[in-house]
Amino acid sequence: MADIMDWNECKRTFIRQIELDKDRIKTIEEKAVLRLKRAENTKIDKENVSLVVEDYYEVIKELLVAYLLKNGFRSKNHQCLISYFYMKNKDYERESYLISQMSFFRNRLNYYGEDIPMDFYEKNKEDFKKIINILKELIR
């Protein structure tokens, strides 16, 4: 299981406070919804499963960005998005670790060309959607 970055390290190095920008949050959420529609409408096969999981991760990442913005923060590091979510929502520990695992797979795909296993998608696809719904609620 992928580790979650320490929030204190994030605060020291990658996080800064910002003013609330509701329009920016709304725009980010709208783009995430468009990407989600694309992921949900793609017929999954062994050839494209990595790209679909990447899309789900990007939706979650964008919603995490909006969540931080809603709470007056901006992060220069994707891992700190996950760290903040986990720190603020301890009841979602399993979801936090799944997001971290998605990030790991996405980075392996982007930087090393490694495919994301089909069984990872099949095992977790409903959880991807659950996480997205949790984040949408937290942003509201």
N, C-alpha and C. Protein backbone atom coordinates (compact mmCIF):
# COMPACT_ATOMS: atom_id res chain seq x y z
N MET A 1 0.84 -1.18 0.00
CA MET A 1 0.00 0.00 0.00
C MET A 1 0.89 1.25 0.00
N ALA A 2 0.53 2.23 -0.78
CA ALA A 2 1.32 3.46 -0.87
C ALA A 2 1.14 4.28 0.41
N ASP A 3 2.22 4.91 0.84
CA ASP A 3 2.18 5.75 2.04
C ASP A 3 1.58 7.11 1.73
N ILE A 4 1.12 7.75 2.79
CA ILE A 4 0.58 9.09 2.68
C ILE A 4 1.60 10.05 3.28
N MET A 5 1.91 11.09 2.55
CA MET A 5 2.90 12.07 2.98
C MET A 5 2.48 12.74 4.30
N ASP A 6 3.45 13.06 5.12
CA ASP A 6 3.20 13.71 6.40
C ASP A 6 2.68 15.14 6.17
N TRP A 7 1.54 15.47 6.80
CA TRP A 7 0.93 16.78 6.60
C TRP A 7 1.86 17.91 7.07
N ASN A 8 2.58 17.70 8.16
CA ASN A 8 3.48 18.75 8.64
C ASN A 8 4.58 19.06 7.62
N GLU A 9 5.08 18.04 6.96
CA GLU A 9 6.06 18.25 5.88
C GLU A 9 5.42 19.02 4.73
N CYS A 10 4.19 18.67 4.42
CA CYS A 10 3.47 19.39 3.37
C CYS A 10 3.34 20.87 3.72
N LYS A 11 2.90 21.15 4.96
CA LYS A 11 2.71 22.55 5.38
C LYS A 11 4.01 23.34 5.29
N ARG A 12 5.10 22.71 5.69
CA ARG A 12 6.40 23.40 5.66
C ARG A 12 6.88 23.68 4.24
N THR A 13 6.61 22.78 3.33
CA THR A 13 7.27 22.81 2.04
C THR A 13 6.36 23.14 0.85
N PHE A 14 5.13 22.66 0.86
CA PHE A 14 4.32 22.70 -0.37
C PHE A 14 2.98 23.43 -0.28
N ILE A 15 2.58 23.84 0.90
CA ILE A 15 1.24 24.42 1.08
C ILE A 15 1.35 25.91 1.36
N ARG A 16 0.43 26.65 0.76
CA ARG A 16 0.33 28.06 1.14
C ARG A 16 -1.14 28.43 1.25
N GLN A 17 -1.39 29.41 2.11
CA GLN A 17 -2.76 29.89 2.28
C GLN A 17 -3.10 30.84 1.15
N ILE A 18 -4.35 30.78 0.75
CA ILE A 18 -4.85 31.64 -0.33
C ILE A 18 -6.22 32.18 0.05
N GLU A 19 -6.68 33.15 -0.71
CA GLU A 19 -8.04 33.65 -0.53
C GLU A 19 -9.01 32.74 -1.26
N LEU A 20 -10.19 32.59 -0.71
CA LEU A 20 -11.23 31.77 -1.29
C LEU A 20 -11.64 32.33 -2.65
N ASP A 21 -11.69 31.47 -3.66
CA ASP A 21 -12.09 31.85 -5.01
C ASP A 21 -13.15 30.85 -5.47
N LYS A 22 -14.41 31.18 -5.20
CA LYS A 22 -15.51 30.26 -5.49
C LYS A 22 -15.64 29.96 -6.98
N ASP A 23 -15.35 30.93 -7.83
CA ASP A 23 -15.43 30.70 -9.27
C ASP A 23 -14.40 29.67 -9.72
N ARG A 24 -13.21 29.76 -9.19
CA ARG A 24 -12.16 28.80 -9.55
C ARG A 24 -12.53 27.39 -9.08
N ILE A 25 -13.07 27.29 -7.89
CA ILE A 25 -13.49 26.00 -7.37
C ILE A 25 -14.57 25.40 -8.28
N LYS A 26 -15.53 26.22 -8.66
CA LYS A 26 -16.62 25.76 -9.53
C LYS A 26 -16.08 25.29 -10.88
N THR A 27 -15.16 26.04 -11.47
CA THR A 27 -14.58 25.68 -12.76
C THR A 27 -13.82 24.36 -12.67
N ILE A 28 -13.04 24.19 -11.62
CA ILE A 28 -12.28 22.95 -11.44
C ILE A 28 -13.23 21.77 -11.30
N GLU A 29 -14.29 21.96 -10.53
CA GLU A 29 -15.26 20.87 -10.35
C GLU A 29 -15.96 20.54 -11.67
N GLU A 30 -16.29 21.55 -12.46
CA GLU A 30 -16.93 21.31 -13.77
C GLU A 30 -16.03 20.50 -14.69
N LYS A 31 -14.74 20.83 -14.72
CA LYS A 31 -13.79 20.09 -15.57
C LYS A 31 -13.64 18.64 -15.08
N ALA A 32 -13.66 18.47 -13.77
CA ALA A 32 -13.56 17.11 -13.21
C ALA A 32 -14.78 16.28 -13.64
N VAL A 33 -15.96 16.90 -13.64
CA VAL A 33 -17.17 16.19 -14.05
C VAL A 33 -17.10 15.79 -15.52
N LEU A 34 -16.56 16.66 -16.36
CA LEU A 34 -16.38 16.31 -17.78
C LEU A 34 -15.45 15.12 -17.96
N ARG A 35 -14.35 15.14 -17.23
CA ARG A 35 -13.40 14.03 -17.30
C ARG A 35 -14.04 12.74 -16.78
N LEU A 36 -14.85 12.86 -15.74
CA LEU A 36 -15.54 11.69 -15.19
C LEU A 36 -16.49 11.09 -16.22
N LYS A 37 -17.22 11.93 -16.92
CA LYS A 37 -18.13 11.43 -17.96
C LYS A 37 -17.35 10.64 -19.01
N ARG A 38 -16.19 11.16 -19.39
CA ARG A 38 -15.36 10.46 -20.38
C ARG A 38 -14.94 9.09 -19.84
N ALA A 39 -14.51 9.04 -18.60
CA ALA A 39 -14.08 7.77 -18.00
C ALA A 39 -15.24 6.79 -17.94
N GLU A 40 -16.40 7.27 -17.52
CA GLU A 40 -17.56 6.39 -17.37
C GLU A 40 -18.09 5.90 -18.72
N ASN A 41 -17.89 6.67 -19.78
CA ASN A 41 -18.41 6.30 -21.10
C ASN A 41 -17.43 5.49 -21.94
N THR A 42 -16.26 5.25 -21.41
CA THR A 42 -15.27 4.48 -22.16
C THR A 42 -15.49 2.99 -21.91
N LYS A 43 -15.55 2.24 -23.00
CA LYS A 43 -15.66 0.79 -22.89
C LYS A 43 -14.29 0.26 -22.50
N ILE A 44 -14.21 -0.36 -21.33
CA ILE A 44 -12.93 -0.79 -20.78
C ILE A 44 -12.46 -2.08 -21.43
N ASP A 45 -11.18 -2.07 -21.79
CA ASP A 45 -10.53 -3.29 -22.23
C ASP A 45 -9.08 -3.25 -21.75
N LYS A 46 -8.37 -4.31 -21.98
CA LYS A 46 -6.99 -4.42 -21.48
C LYS A 46 -6.09 -3.31 -22.04
N GLU A 47 -6.41 -2.87 -23.25
CA GLU A 47 -5.59 -1.86 -23.93
C GLU A 47 -5.74 -0.46 -23.33
N ASN A 48 -6.94 -0.12 -22.84
CA ASN A 48 -7.17 1.25 -22.38
C ASN A 48 -7.41 1.39 -20.88
N VAL A 49 -7.38 0.31 -20.13
CA VAL A 49 -7.70 0.37 -18.70
C VAL A 49 -6.78 1.34 -17.96
N SER A 50 -5.52 1.39 -18.34
CA SER A 50 -4.59 2.30 -17.66
C SER A 50 -5.02 3.76 -17.83
N LEU A 51 -5.46 4.10 -19.01
CA LEU A 51 -5.88 5.47 -19.27
C LEU A 51 -7.17 5.82 -18.55
N VAL A 52 -8.05 4.85 -18.40
CA VAL A 52 -9.30 5.09 -17.68
C VAL A 52 -9.02 5.28 -16.19
N VAL A 53 -8.16 4.44 -15.62
CA VAL A 53 -7.80 4.61 -14.20
C VAL A 53 -7.11 5.96 -14.02
N GLU A 54 -6.26 6.34 -14.97
CA GLU A 54 -5.61 7.64 -14.91
C GLU A 54 -6.66 8.75 -14.91
N ASP A 55 -7.70 8.62 -15.74
CA ASP A 55 -8.78 9.62 -15.75
C ASP A 55 -9.48 9.69 -14.39
N TYR A 56 -9.79 8.54 -13.81
CA TYR A 56 -10.42 8.56 -12.48
C TYR A 56 -9.50 9.23 -11.46
N TYR A 57 -8.21 8.94 -11.53
CA TYR A 57 -7.28 9.59 -10.60
C TYR A 57 -7.28 11.11 -10.83
N GLU A 58 -7.26 11.54 -12.08
CA GLU A 58 -7.25 12.96 -12.37
C GLU A 58 -8.52 13.65 -11.88
N VAL A 59 -9.66 12.98 -11.99
CA VAL A 59 -10.91 13.53 -11.45
C VAL A 59 -10.77 13.72 -9.95
N ILE A 60 -10.30 12.70 -9.27
CA ILE A 60 -10.12 12.77 -7.82
C ILE A 60 -9.12 13.85 -7.45
N LYS A 61 -8.02 13.91 -8.18
CA LYS A 61 -6.99 14.93 -7.90
C LYS A 61 -7.57 16.34 -8.08
N GLU A 62 -8.33 16.56 -9.15
CA GLU A 62 -8.92 17.87 -9.38
C GLU A 62 -9.91 18.23 -8.28
N LEU A 63 -10.68 17.26 -7.83
CA LEU A 63 -11.62 17.51 -6.73
C LEU A 63 -10.86 17.78 -5.43
N LEU A 64 -9.74 17.12 -5.23
CA LEU A 64 -8.91 17.40 -4.06
C LEU A 64 -8.35 18.82 -4.12
N VAL A 65 -7.97 19.27 -5.31
CA VAL A 65 -7.51 20.65 -5.48
C VAL A 65 -8.63 21.61 -5.07
N ALA A 66 -9.85 21.35 -5.56
CA ALA A 66 -10.99 22.20 -5.22
C ALA A 66 -11.27 22.17 -3.72
N TYR A 67 -11.13 21.00 -3.10
CA TYR A 67 -11.34 20.86 -1.66
C TYR A 67 -10.34 21.70 -0.88
N LEU A 68 -9.08 21.66 -1.27
CA LEU A 68 -8.08 22.49 -0.60
C LEU A 68 -8.39 23.97 -0.80
N LEU A 69 -8.72 24.34 -2.04
CA LEU A 69 -9.05 25.75 -2.32
C LEU A 69 -10.22 26.22 -1.46
N LYS A 70 -11.23 25.36 -1.32
CA LYS A 70 -12.40 25.71 -0.50
C LYS A 70 -11.99 26.01 0.94
N ASN A 71 -10.93 25.34 1.38
CA ASN A 71 -10.47 25.51 2.75
C ASN A 71 -9.30 26.49 2.87
N GLY A 72 -9.05 27.24 1.77
CA GLY A 72 -8.07 28.32 1.82
C GLY A 72 -6.63 27.91 1.64
N PHE A 73 -6.40 26.78 0.96
CA PHE A 73 -5.03 26.31 0.74
C PHE A 73 -4.79 25.97 -0.73
N ARG A 74 -3.53 26.03 -1.08
CA ARG A 74 -3.07 25.60 -2.41
C ARG A 74 -1.83 24.75 -2.20
N SER A 75 -1.71 23.68 -2.98
CA SER A 75 -0.58 22.77 -2.83
C SER A 75 0.22 22.71 -4.12
N LYS A 76 1.53 22.64 -3.98
CA LYS A 76 2.42 22.46 -5.12
C LYS A 76 2.77 20.98 -5.31
N ASN A 77 2.11 20.10 -4.58
CA ASN A 77 2.46 18.69 -4.57
C ASN A 77 1.17 17.86 -4.48
N HIS A 78 1.01 16.91 -5.41
CA HIS A 78 -0.20 16.08 -5.42
C HIS A 78 -0.32 15.24 -4.16
N GLN A 79 0.80 14.79 -3.63
CA GLN A 79 0.77 13.95 -2.43
C GLN A 79 0.19 14.73 -1.24
N CYS A 80 0.41 16.02 -1.22
CA CYS A 80 -0.12 16.83 -0.13
C CYS A 80 -1.64 17.00 -0.23
N LEU A 81 -2.19 16.88 -1.42
CA LEU A 81 -3.64 16.89 -1.58
C LEU A 81 -4.23 15.70 -0.82
N ILE A 82 -3.60 14.55 -1.00
CA ILE A 82 -4.06 13.32 -0.34
C ILE A 82 -3.84 13.44 1.17
N SER A 83 -2.70 13.97 1.55
CA SER A 83 -2.38 14.14 2.96
C SER A 83 -3.41 15.03 3.66
N TYR A 84 -3.80 16.12 3.02
CA TYR A 84 -4.79 17.03 3.60
C TYR A 84 -6.14 16.32 3.76
N PHE A 85 -6.55 15.62 2.71
CA PHE A 85 -7.81 14.88 2.75
C PHE A 85 -7.81 13.90 3.92
N TYR A 86 -6.72 13.17 4.06
CA TYR A 86 -6.62 12.18 5.13
C TYR A 86 -6.61 12.85 6.51
N MET A 87 -5.84 13.90 6.63
CA MET A 87 -5.72 14.61 7.91
C MET A 87 -7.10 15.15 8.37
N LYS A 88 -7.89 15.65 7.43
CA LYS A 88 -9.19 16.23 7.76
C LYS A 88 -10.32 15.20 7.86
N ASN A 89 -10.09 14.00 7.33
CA ASN A 89 -11.16 12.99 7.23
C ASN A 89 -10.64 11.61 7.62
N LYS A 90 -10.29 11.44 8.86
CA LYS A 90 -9.70 10.17 9.34
C LYS A 90 -10.62 8.98 9.10
N ASP A 91 -11.92 9.23 9.03
CA ASP A 91 -12.86 8.13 8.78
C ASP A 91 -12.71 7.55 7.37
N TYR A 92 -12.02 8.28 6.52
CA TYR A 92 -11.80 7.83 5.14
C TYR A 92 -10.36 7.36 4.92
N GLU A 93 -9.84 6.65 5.90
CA GLU A 93 -8.46 6.17 5.79
C GLU A 93 -8.29 5.23 4.60
N ARG A 94 -9.19 4.28 4.44
CA ARG A 94 -9.08 3.33 3.33
C ARG A 94 -9.14 4.06 1.99
N GLU A 95 -10.02 5.02 1.88
CA GLU A 95 -10.14 5.80 0.64
C GLU A 95 -8.86 6.61 0.39
N SER A 96 -8.30 7.16 1.45
CA SER A 96 -7.06 7.94 1.32
C SER A 96 -5.93 7.08 0.77
N TYR A 97 -5.82 5.88 1.30
CA TYR A 97 -4.77 4.98 0.83
C TYR A 97 -5.03 4.50 -0.60
N LEU A 98 -6.29 4.35 -0.97
CA LEU A 98 -6.59 3.98 -2.36
C LEU A 98 -6.20 5.12 -3.31
N ILE A 99 -6.49 6.35 -2.92
CA ILE A 99 -6.09 7.50 -3.75
C ILE A 99 -4.57 7.51 -3.89
N SER A 100 -3.87 7.25 -2.82
CA SER A 100 -2.41 7.22 -2.86
C SER A 100 -1.91 6.11 -3.78
N GLN A 101 -2.58 4.97 -3.75
CA GLN A 101 -2.21 3.87 -4.63
C GLN A 101 -2.49 4.24 -6.09
N MET A 102 -3.60 4.92 -6.34
CA MET A 102 -3.90 5.38 -7.70
C MET A 102 -2.81 6.33 -8.18
N SER A 103 -2.37 7.22 -7.31
CA SER A 103 -1.30 8.16 -7.65
C SER A 103 -0.02 7.42 -8.02
N PHE A 104 0.30 6.40 -7.25
CA PHE A 104 1.49 5.60 -7.53
C PHE A 104 1.39 4.97 -8.92
N PHE A 105 0.25 4.32 -9.21
CA PHE A 105 0.06 3.68 -10.52
C PHE A 105 0.10 4.71 -11.64
N ARG A 106 -0.53 5.85 -11.42
CA ARG A 106 -0.53 6.91 -12.45
C ARG A 106 0.88 7.39 -12.74
N ASN A 107 1.69 7.56 -11.69
CA ASN A 107 3.08 7.99 -11.90
C ASN A 107 3.89 6.92 -12.62
N ARG A 108 3.67 5.65 -12.28
CA ARG A 108 4.37 4.55 -12.98
C ARG A 108 3.98 4.54 -14.46
N LEU A 109 2.72 4.82 -14.74
CA LEU A 109 2.25 4.88 -16.12
C LEU A 109 2.90 6.04 -16.86
N ASN A 110 2.87 7.24 -16.26
CA ASN A 110 3.36 8.43 -16.94
C ASN A 110 4.87 8.47 -17.09
N TYR A 111 5.60 7.99 -16.10
CA TYR A 111 7.06 8.13 -16.13
C TYR A 111 7.80 6.89 -16.60
N TYR A 112 7.15 5.72 -16.53
CA TYR A 112 7.84 4.48 -16.92
C TYR A 112 7.07 3.65 -17.95
N GLY A 113 5.89 4.11 -18.31
CA GLY A 113 5.10 3.40 -19.30
C GLY A 113 4.52 2.09 -18.81
N GLU A 114 4.44 1.92 -17.50
CA GLU A 114 3.92 0.67 -16.94
C GLU A 114 2.39 0.69 -16.93
N ASP A 115 1.80 -0.41 -17.37
CA ASP A 115 0.35 -0.51 -17.39
C ASP A 115 -0.21 -0.68 -15.99
N ILE A 116 -1.43 -0.19 -15.81
CA ILE A 116 -2.16 -0.40 -14.56
C ILE A 116 -2.94 -1.70 -14.74
N PRO A 117 -2.83 -2.60 -13.77
CA PRO A 117 -3.49 -3.91 -13.92
C PRO A 117 -5.02 -3.81 -14.01
N MET A 118 -5.59 -4.59 -14.89
CA MET A 118 -7.04 -4.65 -15.06
C MET A 118 -7.71 -5.02 -13.74
N ASP A 119 -7.11 -5.92 -12.98
CA ASP A 119 -7.74 -6.34 -11.73
C ASP A 119 -7.79 -5.21 -10.70
N PHE A 120 -6.84 -4.26 -10.77
CA PHE A 120 -6.90 -3.09 -9.88
C PHE A 120 -8.14 -2.28 -10.20
N TYR A 121 -8.39 -2.06 -11.49
CA TYR A 121 -9.59 -1.33 -11.90
C TYR A 121 -10.85 -2.07 -11.47
N GLU A 122 -10.93 -3.36 -11.79
CA GLU A 122 -12.13 -4.13 -11.50
C GLU A 122 -12.41 -4.20 -10.00
N LYS A 123 -11.37 -4.34 -9.21
CA LYS A 123 -11.52 -4.44 -7.76
C LYS A 123 -11.96 -3.11 -7.14
N ASN A 124 -11.55 -1.98 -7.73
CA ASN A 124 -11.72 -0.68 -7.08
C ASN A 124 -12.64 0.31 -7.79
N LYS A 125 -13.18 -0.03 -8.94
CA LYS A 125 -13.93 0.96 -9.72
C LYS A 125 -15.10 1.57 -8.95
N GLU A 126 -15.80 0.79 -8.15
CA GLU A 126 -16.91 1.35 -7.37
C GLU A 126 -16.38 2.29 -6.29
N ASP A 127 -15.21 1.97 -5.74
CA ASP A 127 -14.59 2.85 -4.74
C ASP A 127 -14.14 4.17 -5.37
N PHE A 128 -13.68 4.13 -6.63
CA PHE A 128 -13.32 5.39 -7.31
C PHE A 128 -14.53 6.32 -7.31
N LYS A 129 -15.68 5.77 -7.69
CA LYS A 129 -16.91 6.57 -7.75
C LYS A 129 -17.33 7.05 -6.37
N LYS A 130 -17.16 6.19 -5.37
CA LYS A 130 -17.50 6.56 -3.99
C LYS A 130 -16.63 7.74 -3.52
N ILE A 131 -15.35 7.68 -3.81
CA ILE A 131 -14.43 8.75 -3.42
C ILE A 131 -14.83 10.05 -4.10
N ILE A 132 -15.17 9.98 -5.37
CA ILE A 132 -15.59 11.17 -6.11
C ILE A 132 -16.82 11.78 -5.46
N ASN A 133 -17.77 10.96 -5.08
CA ASN A 133 -18.99 11.47 -4.43
C ASN A 133 -18.68 12.07 -3.06
N ILE A 134 -17.78 11.45 -2.31
CA ILE A 134 -17.37 12.00 -1.01
C ILE A 134 -16.78 13.39 -1.20
N LEU A 135 -15.89 13.51 -2.19
CA LEU A 135 -15.24 14.80 -2.42
C LEU A 135 -16.22 15.87 -2.88
N LYS A 136 -17.15 15.49 -3.73
CA LYS A 136 -18.17 16.45 -4.16
C LYS A 136 -18.96 16.98 -2.96
N GLU A 137 -19.30 16.07 -2.04
CA GLU A 137 -20.03 16.49 -0.84
C GLU A 137 -19.18 17.41 0.03
N LEU A 138 -17.90 17.10 0.18
CA LEU A 138 -17.01 17.92 1.01
C LEU A 138 -16.82 19.32 0.40
N ILE A 139 -16.87 19.41 -0.90
CA ILE A 139 -16.70 20.71 -1.57
C ILE A 139 -17.95 21.57 -1.40
N ARG A 140 -19.10 20.95 -1.32
CA ARG A 140 -20.37 21.70 -1.17
C ARG A 140 -20.46 22.37 0.13
